[in-house]
Amino acid sequence: PKAVEIKKYCEDKIPATFGVGTNLTNDVGNHTIPRNIVMKLIG
């Protein structure tokens, strides 16, 4: 739904595409909360 909102905002201004991650692969019901984890280059 947020992607739809952004696409409407960008309409006729600039084409918009979307990379959707956690909402697709970790929307599993049962009140499960996705992990807020990253692994970054620090040195």
ModelCIF file with pLDDT and N, C-alpha, C, O atoms, coordinates in Angstrom:
data_MODEL
#
_entry.id   MODEL 
#
_entity.id                         1 
_entity.type                       polymer 
_entity.pdbx_number_of_molecules   1 
#
_entity_poly.entity_id                      1 
_entity_poly.type                           'polypeptide(L)' 
_entity_poly.nstd_linkage                   no 
_entity_poly.nstd_monomer                   no 
_entity_poly.pdbx_seq_one_letter_code       PKAVEIKKYCEDKIPATFGVGTNLTNDVGNHTIPRNIVMKLIG 
_entity_poly.pdbx_seq_one_letter_code_can   PKAVEIKKYCEDKIPATFGVGTNLTNDVGNHTIPRNIVMKLIG 
_entity_poly.pdbx_strand_id                 A 
#
loop_
_entity_poly_seq.entity_id 
_entity_poly_seq.num 
_entity_poly_seq.mon_id 
_entity_poly_seq.hetero 
1 1  PRO n 
1 2  LYS n 
1 3  ALA n 
1 4  VAL n 
1 5  GLU n 
1 6  ILE n 
1 7  LYS n 
1 8  LYS n 
1 9  TYR n 
1 10 CYS n 
1 11 GLU n 
1 12 ASP n 
1 13 LYS n 
1 14 ILE n 
1 15 PRO n 
1 16 ALA n 
1 17 THR n 
1 18 PHE n 
1 19 GLY n 
1 20 VAL n 
1 21 GLY n 
1 22 THR n 
1 23 ASN n 
1 24 LEU n 
1 25 THR n 
1 26 ASN n 
1 27 ASP n 
1 28 VAL n 
1 29 GLY n 
1 30 ASN n 
1 31 HIS n 
1 32 THR n 
1 33 ILE n 
1 34 PRO n 
1 35 ARG n 
1 36 ASN n 
1 37 ILE n 
1 38 VAL n 
1 39 MET n 
1 40 LYS n 
1 41 LEU n 
1 42 ILE n 
1 43 GLY n 
#
_struct_asym.id          A 
_struct_asym.entity_id   1 
#
loop_
_ma_qa_metric.id 
_ma_qa_metric.mode 
_ma_qa_metric.name 
_ma_qa_metric.software_group_id 
_ma_qa_metric.type 
1 global pLDDT . pLDDT 
2 local  pLDDT . pLDDT 
#
_ma_qa_metric_global.metric_id      1 
_ma_qa_metric_global.metric_value   96.67 
_ma_qa_metric_global.model_id       1 
_ma_qa_metric_global.ordinal_id     1 
#
loop_
_ma_qa_metric_local.label_asym_id 
_ma_qa_metric_local.label_comp_id 
_ma_qa_metric_local.label_seq_id 
_ma_qa_metric_local.metric_id 
_ma_qa_metric_local.metric_value 
_ma_qa_metric_local.model_id 
_ma_qa_metric_local.ordinal_id 
A PRO 1  2 97.00 1 1  
A LYS 2  2 98.00 1 2  
A ALA 3  2 98.00 1 3  
A VAL 4  2 98.00 1 4  
A GLU 5  2 98.00 1 5  
A ILE 6  2 98.00 1 6  
A LYS 7  2 98.00 1 7  
A LYS 8  2 98.00 1 8  
A TYR 9  2 98.00 1 9  
A CYS 10 2 98.00 1 10 
A GLU 11 2 96.00 1 11 
A ASP 12 2 96.00 1 12 
A LYS 13 2 98.00 1 13 
A ILE 14 2 98.00 1 14 
A PRO 15 2 98.00 1 15 
A ALA 16 2 98.00 1 16 
A THR 17 2 98.00 1 17 
A PHE 18 2 98.00 1 18 
A GLY 19 2 97.00 1 19 
A VAL 20 2 97.00 1 20 
A GLY 21 2 96.00 1 21 
A THR 22 2 96.00 1 22 
A ASN 23 2 97.00 1 23 
A LEU 24 2 98.00 1 24 
A THR 25 2 98.00 1 25 
A ASN 26 2 98.00 1 26 
A ASP 27 2 98.00 1 27 
A VAL 28 2 98.00 1 28 
A GLY 29 2 96.00 1 29 
A ASN 30 2 92.00 1 30 
A HIS 31 2 93.00 1 31 
A THR 32 2 93.00 1 32 
A ILE 33 2 94.00 1 33 
A PRO 34 2 95.00 1 34 
A ARG 35 2 95.00 1 35 
A ASN 36 2 94.00 1 36 
A ILE 37 2 96.00 1 37 
A VAL 38 2 95.00 1 38 
A MET 39 2 96.00 1 39 
A LYS 40 2 95.00 1 40 
A LEU 41 2 97.00 1 41 
A ILE 42 2 97.00 1 42 
A GLY 43 2 97.00 1 43 
#
loop_
_atom_site.group_PDB 
_atom_site.id 
_atom_site.type_symbol 
_atom_site.label_atom_id 
_atom_site.label_alt_id 
_atom_site.label_comp_id 
_atom_site.label_asym_id 
_atom_site.label_entity_id 
_atom_site.label_seq_id 
_atom_site.pdbx_PDB_ins_code 
_atom_site.Cartn_x 
_atom_site.Cartn_y 
_atom_site.Cartn_z 
_atom_site.occupancy 
_atom_site.B_iso_or_equiv 
_atom_site.pdbx_formal_charge 
_atom_site.auth_seq_id 
_atom_site.auth_comp_id 
_atom_site.auth_asym_id 
_atom_site.auth_atom_id 
_atom_site.pdbx_PDB_model_num 
ATOM 1   N N  . PRO A 1 1  ? 0.817  -1.237  0.000   1.00 97.00 ? 1  PRO A N  1 
ATOM 2   C CA . PRO A 1 1  ? 0.000  0.000   0.000   1.00 97.00 ? 1  PRO A CA 1 
ATOM 3   C C  . PRO A 1 1  ? 0.842  1.275   0.000   1.00 97.00 ? 1  PRO A C  1 
ATOM 4   O O  . PRO A 1 1  ? 0.469  2.256   -0.645  1.00 97.00 ? 1  PRO A O  1 
ATOM 5   N N  . LYS A 1 2  ? 1.971  1.279   0.713   1.00 98.00 ? 2  LYS A N  1 
ATOM 6   C CA . LYS A 1 2  ? 2.834  2.461   0.708   1.00 98.00 ? 2  LYS A CA 1 
ATOM 7   C C  . LYS A 1 2  ? 3.429  2.676   -0.682  1.00 98.00 ? 2  LYS A C  1 
ATOM 8   O O  . LYS A 1 2  ? 3.584  3.814   -1.126  1.00 98.00 ? 2  LYS A O  1 
ATOM 9   N N  . ALA A 1 3  ? 3.760  1.589   -1.360  1.00 98.00 ? 3  ALA A N  1 
ATOM 10  C CA . ALA A 1 3  ? 4.272  1.707   -2.725  1.00 98.00 ? 3  ALA A CA 1 
ATOM 11  C C  . ALA A 1 3  ? 3.231  2.330   -3.647  1.00 98.00 ? 3  ALA A C  1 
ATOM 12  O O  . ALA A 1 3  ? 3.563  3.145   -4.509  1.00 98.00 ? 3  ALA A O  1 
ATOM 13  N N  . VAL A 1 4  ? 1.981  1.947   -3.465  1.00 98.00 ? 4  VAL A N  1 
ATOM 14  C CA . VAL A 1 4  ? 0.903  2.549   -4.272  1.00 98.00 ? 4  VAL A CA 1 
ATOM 15  C C  . VAL A 1 4  ? 0.837  4.055   -4.029  1.00 98.00 ? 4  VAL A C  1 
ATOM 16  O O  . VAL A 1 4  ? 0.689  4.835   -4.970  1.00 98.00 ? 4  VAL A O  1 
ATOM 17  N N  . GLU A 1 5  ? 0.945  4.454   -2.777  1.00 98.00 ? 5  GLU A N  1 
ATOM 18  C CA . GLU A 1 5  ? 0.901  5.873   -2.413  1.00 98.00 ? 5  GLU A CA 1 
ATOM 19  C C  . GLU A 1 5  ? 2.053  6.641   -3.064  1.00 98.00 ? 5  GLU A C  1 
ATOM 20  O O  . GLU A 1 5  ? 1.854  7.737   -3.589  1.00 98.00 ? 5  GLU A O  1 
ATOM 21  N N  . ILE A 1 6  ? 3.250  6.066   -3.030  1.00 98.00 ? 6  ILE A N  1 
ATOM 22  C CA . ILE A 1 6  ? 4.423  6.725   -3.622  1.00 98.00 ? 6  ILE A CA 1 
ATOM 23  C C  . ILE A 1 6  ? 4.274  6.811   -5.140  1.00 98.00 ? 6  ILE A C  1 
ATOM 24  O O  . ILE A 1 6  ? 4.591  7.835   -5.747  1.00 98.00 ? 6  ILE A O  1 
ATOM 25  N N  . LYS A 1 7  ? 3.789  5.725   -5.746  1.00 98.00 ? 7  LYS A N  1 
ATOM 26  C CA . LYS A 1 7  ? 3.617  5.735   -7.207  1.00 98.00 ? 7  LYS A CA 1 
ATOM 27  C C  . LYS A 1 7  ? 2.659  6.842   -7.633  1.00 98.00 ? 7  LYS A C  1 
ATOM 28  O O  . LYS A 1 7  ? 2.901  7.520   -8.632  1.00 98.00 ? 7  LYS A O  1 
ATOM 29  N N  . LYS A 1 8  ? 1.574  7.028   -6.884  1.00 98.00 ? 8  LYS A N  1 
ATOM 30  C CA . LYS A 1 8  ? 0.621  8.091   -7.215  1.00 98.00 ? 8  LYS A CA 1 
ATOM 31  C C  . LYS A 1 8  ? 1.266  9.462   -7.082  1.00 98.00 ? 8  LYS A C  1 
ATOM 32  O O  . LYS A 1 8  ? 0.997  10.359  -7.881  1.00 98.00 ? 8  LYS A O  1 
ATOM 33  N N  . TYR A 1 9  ? 2.119  9.625   -6.073  1.00 98.00 ? 9  TYR A N  1 
ATOM 34  C CA . TYR A 1 9  ? 2.797  10.910  -5.875  1.00 98.00 ? 9  TYR A CA 1 
ATOM 35  C C  . TYR A 1 9  ? 3.744  11.219  -7.038  1.00 98.00 ? 9  TYR A C  1 
ATOM 36  O O  . TYR A 1 9  ? 3.874  12.368  -7.461  1.00 98.00 ? 9  TYR A O  1 
ATOM 37  N N  . CYS A 1 10 ? 4.402  10.172  -7.547  1.00 98.00 ? 10 CYS A N  1 
ATOM 38  C CA . CYS A 1 10 ? 5.398  10.363  -8.614  1.00 98.00 ? 10 CYS A CA 1 
ATOM 39  C C  . CYS A 1 10 ? 4.776  10.406  -10.008 1.00 98.00 ? 10 CYS A C  1 
ATOM 40  O O  . CYS A 1 10 ? 5.456  10.737  -10.980 1.00 98.00 ? 10 CYS A O  1 
ATOM 41  N N  . GLU A 1 11 ? 3.491  10.073  -10.112 1.00 96.00 ? 11 GLU A N  1 
ATOM 42  C CA . GLU A 1 11 ? 2.816  10.010  -11.404 1.00 96.00 ? 11 GLU A CA 1 
ATOM 43  C C  . GLU A 1 11 ? 3.045  11.284  -12.210 1.00 96.00 ? 11 GLU A C  1 
ATOM 44  O O  . GLU A 1 11 ? 2.854  12.396  -11.717 1.00 96.00 ? 11 GLU A O  1 
ATOM 45  N N  . ASP A 1 12 ? 3.460  11.092  -13.465 1.00 96.00 ? 12 ASP A N  1 
ATOM 46  C CA . ASP A 1 12 ? 3.687  12.196  -14.402 1.00 96.00 ? 12 ASP A CA 1 
ATOM 47  C C  . ASP A 1 12 ? 4.856  13.102  -14.009 1.00 96.00 ? 12 ASP A C  1 
ATOM 48  O O  . ASP A 1 12 ? 5.075  14.140  -14.633 1.00 96.00 ? 12 ASP A O  1 
ATOM 49  N N  . LYS A 1 13 ? 5.613  12.706  -12.966 1.00 98.00 ? 13 LYS A N  1 
ATOM 50  C CA . LYS A 1 13 ? 6.805  13.457  -12.576 1.00 98.00 ? 13 LYS A CA 1 
ATOM 51  C C  . LYS A 1 13 ? 8.070  12.656  -12.870 1.00 98.00 ? 13 LYS A C  1 
ATOM 52  O O  . LYS A 1 13 ? 9.018  13.159  -13.473 1.00 98.00 ? 13 LYS A O  1 
ATOM 53  N N  . ILE A 1 14 ? 8.060  11.382  -12.424 1.00 98.00 ? 14 ILE A N  1 
ATOM 54  C CA . ILE A 1 14 ? 9.201  10.498  -12.629 1.00 98.00 ? 14 ILE A CA 1 
ATOM 55  C C  . ILE A 1 14 ? 8.723  9.072   -12.402 1.00 98.00 ? 14 ILE A C  1 
ATOM 56  O O  . ILE A 1 14 ? 7.970  8.839   -11.456 1.00 98.00 ? 14 ILE A O  1 
ATOM 57  N N  . PRO A 1 15 ? 9.126  8.109   -13.223 1.00 98.00 ? 15 PRO A N  1 
ATOM 58  C CA . PRO A 1 15 ? 8.708  6.723   -13.004 1.00 98.00 ? 15 PRO A CA 1 
ATOM 59  C C  . PRO A 1 15 ? 9.249  6.189   -11.672 1.00 98.00 ? 15 PRO A C  1 
ATOM 60  O O  . PRO A 1 15 ? 10.368 6.511   -11.271 1.00 98.00 ? 15 PRO A O  1 
ATOM 61  N N  . ALA A 1 16 ? 8.441  5.373   -10.996 1.00 98.00 ? 16 ALA A N  1 
ATOM 62  C CA . ALA A 1 16 ? 8.820  4.825   -9.694  1.00 98.00 ? 16 ALA A CA 1 
ATOM 63  C C  . ALA A 1 16 ? 8.717  3.301   -9.714  1.00 98.00 ? 16 ALA A C  1 
ATOM 64  O O  . ALA A 1 16 ? 7.721  2.744   -10.175 1.00 98.00 ? 16 ALA A O  1 
ATOM 65  N N  . THR A 1 17 ? 9.751  2.635   -9.211  1.00 98.00 ? 17 THR A N  1 
ATOM 66  C CA . THR A 1 17 ? 9.725  1.194   -9.011  1.00 98.00 ? 17 THR A CA 1 
ATOM 67  C C  . THR A 1 17 ? 10.056 0.915   -7.548  1.00 98.00 ? 17 THR A C  1 
ATOM 68  O O  . THR A 1 17 ? 10.425 1.824   -6.805  1.00 98.00 ? 17 THR A O  1 
ATOM 69  N N  . PHE A 1 18 ? 9.921  -0.354  -7.138  1.00 98.00 ? 18 PHE A N  1 
ATOM 70  C CA . PHE A 1 18 ? 9.963  -0.625  -5.712  1.00 98.00 ? 18 PHE A CA 1 
ATOM 71  C C  . PHE A 1 18 ? 10.714 -1.925  -5.405  1.00 98.00 ? 18 PHE A C  1 
ATOM 72  O O  . PHE A 1 18 ? 10.578 -2.931  -6.100  1.00 98.00 ? 18 PHE A O  1 
ATOM 73  N N  . GLY A 1 19 ? 11.515 -1.857  -4.330  1.00 97.00 ? 19 GLY A N  1 
ATOM 74  C CA . GLY A 1 19 ? 12.134 -3.038  -3.775  1.00 97.00 ? 19 GLY A CA 1 
ATOM 75  C C  . GLY A 1 19 ? 11.507 -3.283  -2.414  1.00 97.00 ? 19 GLY A C  1 
ATOM 76  O O  . GLY A 1 19 ? 11.744 -2.525  -1.473  1.00 97.00 ? 19 GLY A O  1 
ATOM 77  N N  . VAL A 1 20 ? 10.710 -4.337  -2.304  1.00 97.00 ? 20 VAL A N  1 
ATOM 78  C CA . VAL A 1 20 ? 9.995  -4.628  -1.062  1.00 97.00 ? 20 VAL A CA 1 
ATOM 79  C C  . VAL A 1 20 ? 10.628 -5.855  -0.426  1.00 97.00 ? 20 VAL A C  1 
ATOM 80  O O  . VAL A 1 20 ? 10.762 -6.901  -1.061  1.00 97.00 ? 20 VAL A O  1 
ATOM 81  N N  . GLY A 1 21 ? 11.017 -5.714  0.837   1.00 96.00 ? 21 GLY A N  1 
ATOM 82  C CA . GLY A 1 21 ? 11.752 -6.784  1.494   1.00 96.00 ? 21 GLY A CA 1 
ATOM 83  C C  . GLY A 1 21 ? 10.980 -7.482  2.583   1.00 96.00 ? 21 GLY A C  1 
ATOM 84  O O  . GLY A 1 21 ? 10.238 -8.431  2.328   1.00 96.00 ? 21 GLY A O  1 
ATOM 85  N N  . THR A 1 22 ? 11.159 -7.005  3.808   1.00 96.00 ? 22 THR A N  1 
ATOM 86  C CA . THR A 1 22 ? 10.640 -7.679  4.989   1.00 96.00 ? 22 THR A CA 1 
ATOM 87  C C  . THR A 1 22 ? 9.128  -7.858  4.936   1.00 96.00 ? 22 THR A C  1 
ATOM 88  O O  . THR A 1 22 ? 8.617  -8.872  5.411   1.00 96.00 ? 22 THR A O  1 
ATOM 89  N N  . ASN A 1 23 ? 8.409  -6.907  4.376   1.00 97.00 ? 23 ASN A N  1 
ATOM 90  C CA . ASN A 1 23 ? 6.953  -7.011  4.315   1.00 97.00 ? 23 ASN A CA 1 
ATOM 91  C C  . ASN A 1 23 ? 6.489  -8.164  3.430   1.00 97.00 ? 23 ASN A C  1 
ATOM 92  O O  . ASN A 1 23 ? 5.345  -8.605  3.540   1.00 97.00 ? 23 ASN A O  1 
ATOM 93  N N  . LEU A 1 24 ? 7.359  -8.653  2.560   1.00 98.00 ? 24 LEU A N  1 
ATOM 94  C CA . LEU A 1 24 ? 7.019  -9.814  1.749   1.00 98.00 ? 24 LEU A CA 1 
ATOM 95  C C  . LEU A 1 24 ? 7.507  -11.115 2.390   1.00 98.00 ? 24 LEU A C  1 
ATOM 96  O O  . LEU A 1 24 ? 6.772  -12.101 2.407   1.00 98.00 ? 24 LEU A O  1 
ATOM 97  N N  . THR A 1 25 ? 8.721  -11.132 2.910   1.00 98.00 ? 25 THR A N  1 
ATOM 98  C CA . THR A 1 25 ? 9.319  -12.379 3.374   1.00 98.00 ? 25 THR A CA 1 
ATOM 99  C C  . THR A 1 25 ? 9.229  -12.592 4.880   1.00 98.00 ? 25 THR A C  1 
ATOM 100 O O  . THR A 1 25 ? 9.685  -13.614 5.392   1.00 98.00 ? 25 THR A O  1 
ATOM 101 N N  . ASN A 1 26 ? 8.633  -11.619 5.601   1.00 98.00 ? 26 ASN A N  1 
ATOM 102 C CA . ASN A 1 26 ? 8.473  -11.807 7.040   1.00 98.00 ? 26 ASN A CA 1 
ATOM 103 C C  . ASN A 1 26 ? 7.144  -11.253 7.534   1.00 98.00 ? 26 ASN A C  1 
ATOM 104 O O  . ASN A 1 26 ? 7.054  -10.715 8.638   1.00 98.00 ? 26 ASN A O  1 
ATOM 105 N N  . ASP A 1 27 ? 6.122  -11.390 6.710   1.00 98.00 ? 27 ASP A N  1 
ATOM 106 C CA . ASP A 1 27 ? 4.753  -11.073 7.107   1.00 98.00 ? 27 ASP A CA 1 
ATOM 107 C C  . ASP A 1 27 ? 4.037  -12.409 7.223   1.00 98.00 ? 27 ASP A C  1 
ATOM 108 O O  . ASP A 1 27 ? 3.414  -12.873 6.267   1.00 98.00 ? 27 ASP A O  1 
ATOM 109 N N  . VAL A 1 28 ? 4.127  -13.035 8.412   1.00 98.00 ? 28 VAL A N  1 
ATOM 110 C CA . VAL A 1 28 ? 3.747  -14.441 8.551   1.00 98.00 ? 28 VAL A CA 1 
ATOM 111 C C  . VAL A 1 28 ? 2.659  -14.680 9.589   1.00 98.00 ? 28 VAL A C  1 
ATOM 112 O O  . VAL A 1 28 ? 2.393  -15.828 9.945   1.00 98.00 ? 28 VAL A O  1 
ATOM 113 N N  . GLY A 1 29 ? 2.013  -13.603 10.090  1.00 96.00 ? 29 GLY A N  1 
ATOM 114 C CA . GLY A 1 29 ? 0.962  -13.770 11.079  1.00 96.00 ? 29 GLY A CA 1 
ATOM 115 C C  . GLY A 1 29 ? 1.504  -14.141 12.454  1.00 96.00 ? 29 GLY A C  1 
ATOM 116 O O  . GLY A 1 29 ? 2.697  -13.999 12.724  1.00 96.00 ? 29 GLY A O  1 
ATOM 117 N N  . ASN A 1 30 ? 0.624  -14.610 13.305  1.00 92.00 ? 30 ASN A N  1 
ATOM 118 C CA . ASN A 1 30 ? 1.009  -15.069 14.649  1.00 92.00 ? 30 ASN A CA 1 
ATOM 119 C C  . ASN A 1 30 ? 1.731  -13.989 15.461  1.00 92.00 ? 30 ASN A C  1 
ATOM 120 O O  . ASN A 1 30 ? 2.514  -14.305 16.357  1.00 92.00 ? 30 ASN A O  1 
ATOM 121 N N  . HIS A 1 31 ? 1.467  -12.718 15.147  1.00 93.00 ? 31 HIS A N  1 
ATOM 122 C CA . HIS A 1 31 ? 2.046  -11.592 15.890  1.00 93.00 ? 31 HIS A CA 1 
ATOM 123 C C  . HIS A 1 31 ? 3.586  -11.595 15.855  1.00 93.00 ? 31 HIS A C  1 
ATOM 124 O O  . HIS A 1 31 ? 4.233  -11.056 16.752  1.00 93.00 ? 31 HIS A O  1 
ATOM 125 N N  . THR A 1 32 ? 4.153  -12.199 14.824  1.00 93.00 ? 32 THR A N  1 
ATOM 126 C CA . THR A 1 32 ? 5.602  -12.246 14.680  1.00 93.00 ? 32 THR A CA 1 
ATOM 127 C C  . THR A 1 32 ? 6.141  -10.865 14.304  1.00 93.00 ? 32 THR A C  1 
ATOM 128 O O  . THR A 1 32 ? 5.588  -10.189 13.436  1.00 93.00 ? 32 THR A O  1 
ATOM 129 N N  . ILE A 1 33 ? 7.220  -10.455 14.965  1.00 94.00 ? 33 ILE A N  1 
ATOM 130 C CA . ILE A 1 33 ? 7.839  -9.159  14.705  1.00 94.00 ? 33 ILE A CA 1 
ATOM 131 C C  . ILE A 1 33 ? 9.153  -9.379  13.953  1.00 94.00 ? 33 ILE A C  1 
ATOM 132 O O  . ILE A 1 33 ? 10.011 -10.115 14.439  1.00 94.00 ? 33 ILE A O  1 
ATOM 133 N N  . PRO A 1 34 ? 9.337  -8.763  12.780  1.00 95.00 ? 34 PRO A N  1 
ATOM 134 C CA . PRO A 1 34 ? 10.591 -8.919  12.038  1.00 95.00 ? 34 PRO A CA 1 
ATOM 135 C C  . PRO A 1 34 ? 11.791 -8.404  12.828  1.00 95.00 ? 34 PRO A C  1 
ATOM 136 O O  . PRO A 1 34 ? 11.662 -7.489  13.641  1.00 95.00 ? 34 PRO A O  1 
ATOM 137 N N  . ARG A 1 35 ? 12.948 -8.992  12.587  1.00 95.00 ? 35 ARG A N  1 
ATOM 138 C CA . ARG A 1 35 ? 14.175 -8.573  13.239  1.00 95.00 ? 35 ARG A CA 1 
ATOM 139 C C  . ARG A 1 35 ? 14.663 -7.259  12.624  1.00 95.00 ? 35 ARG A C  1 
ATOM 140 O O  . ARG A 1 35 ? 14.564 -7.062  11.413  1.00 95.00 ? 35 ARG A O  1 
ATOM 141 N N  . ASN A 1 36 ? 15.181 -6.374  13.451  1.00 94.00 ? 36 ASN A N  1 
ATOM 142 C CA . ASN A 1 36 ? 15.734 -5.104  12.969  1.00 94.00 ? 36 ASN A CA 1 
ATOM 143 C C  . ASN A 1 36 ? 17.255 -5.199  13.052  1.00 94.00 ? 36 ASN A C  1 
ATOM 144 O O  . ASN A 1 36 ? 17.889 -4.603  13.922  1.00 94.00 ? 36 ASN A O  1 
ATOM 145 N N  . ILE A 1 37 ? 17.818 -5.964  12.125  1.00 96.00 ? 37 ILE A N  1 
ATOM 146 C CA . ILE A 1 37 ? 19.244 -6.282  12.171  1.00 96.00 ? 37 ILE A CA 1 
ATOM 147 C C  . ILE A 1 37 ? 19.912 -5.904  10.851  1.00 96.00 ? 37 ILE A C  1 
ATOM 148 O O  . ILE A 1 37 ? 19.300 -5.968  9.785   1.00 96.00 ? 37 ILE A O  1 
ATOM 149 N N  . VAL A 1 38 ? 21.173 -5.511  10.947  1.00 95.00 ? 38 VAL A N  1 
ATOM 150 C CA . VAL A 1 38 ? 21.995 -5.228  9.774   1.00 95.00 ? 38 VAL A CA 1 
ATOM 151 C C  . VAL A 1 38 ? 23.410 -5.735  10.034  1.00 95.00 ? 38 VAL A C  1 
ATOM 152 O O  . VAL A 1 38 ? 23.771 -6.047  11.169  1.00 95.00 ? 38 VAL A O  1 
ATOM 153 N N  . MET A 1 39 ? 24.198 -5.810  8.978   1.00 96.00 ? 39 MET A N  1 
ATOM 154 C CA . MET A 1 39 ? 25.626 -6.109  9.112   1.00 96.00 ? 39 MET A CA 1 
ATOM 155 C C  . MET A 1 39 ? 26.354 -5.155  8.185   1.00 96.00 ? 39 MET A C  1 
ATOM 156 O O  . MET A 1 39 ? 26.192 -5.216  6.966   1.00 96.00 ? 39 MET A O  1 
ATOM 157 N N  . LYS A 1 40 ? 27.158 -4.272  8.764   1.00 95.00 ? 40 LYS A N  1 
ATOM 158 C CA . LYS A 1 40 ? 27.739 -3.176  8.003   1.00 95.00 ? 40 LYS A CA 1 
ATOM 159 C C  . LYS A 1 40 ? 29.268 -3.191  8.071   1.00 95.00 ? 40 LYS A C  1 
ATOM 160 O O  . LYS A 1 40 ? 29.868 -3.709  9.012   1.00 95.00 ? 40 LYS A O  1 
ATOM 161 N N  . LEU A 1 41 ? 29.869 -2.605  7.040   1.00 97.00 ? 41 LEU A N  1 
ATOM 162 C CA . LEU A 1 41 ? 31.316 -2.423  7.013   1.00 97.00 ? 41 LEU A CA 1 
ATOM 163 C C  . LEU A 1 41 ? 31.706 -1.367  8.041   1.00 97.00 ? 41 LEU A C  1 
ATOM 164 O O  . LEU A 1 41 ? 31.229 -0.234  7.972   1.00 97.00 ? 41 LEU A O  1 
ATOM 165 N N  . ILE A 1 42 ? 32.565 -1.721  8.989   1.00 97.00 ? 42 ILE A N  1 
ATOM 166 C CA . ILE A 1 42 ? 32.972 -0.768  10.032  1.00 97.00 ? 42 ILE A CA 1 
ATOM 167 C C  . ILE A 1 42 ? 34.456 -0.420  9.954   1.00 97.00 ? 42 ILE A C  1 
ATOM 168 O O  . ILE A 1 42 ? 34.909 0.479   10.661  1.00 97.00 ? 42 ILE A O  1 
ATOM 169 N N  . GLY A 1 43 ? 35.220 -1.110  9.110   1.00 97.00 ? 43 GLY A N  1 
ATOM 170 C CA . GLY A 1 43 ? 36.635 -0.792  8.984   1.00 97.00 ? 43 GLY A CA 1 
ATOM 171 C C  . GLY A 1 43 ? 37.211 -1.384  7.713   1.00 97.00 ? 43 GLY A C  1 
ATOM 172 O O  . GLY A 1 43 ? 38.399 -1.218  7.437   1.00 97.00 ? 43 GLY A O  1 
#
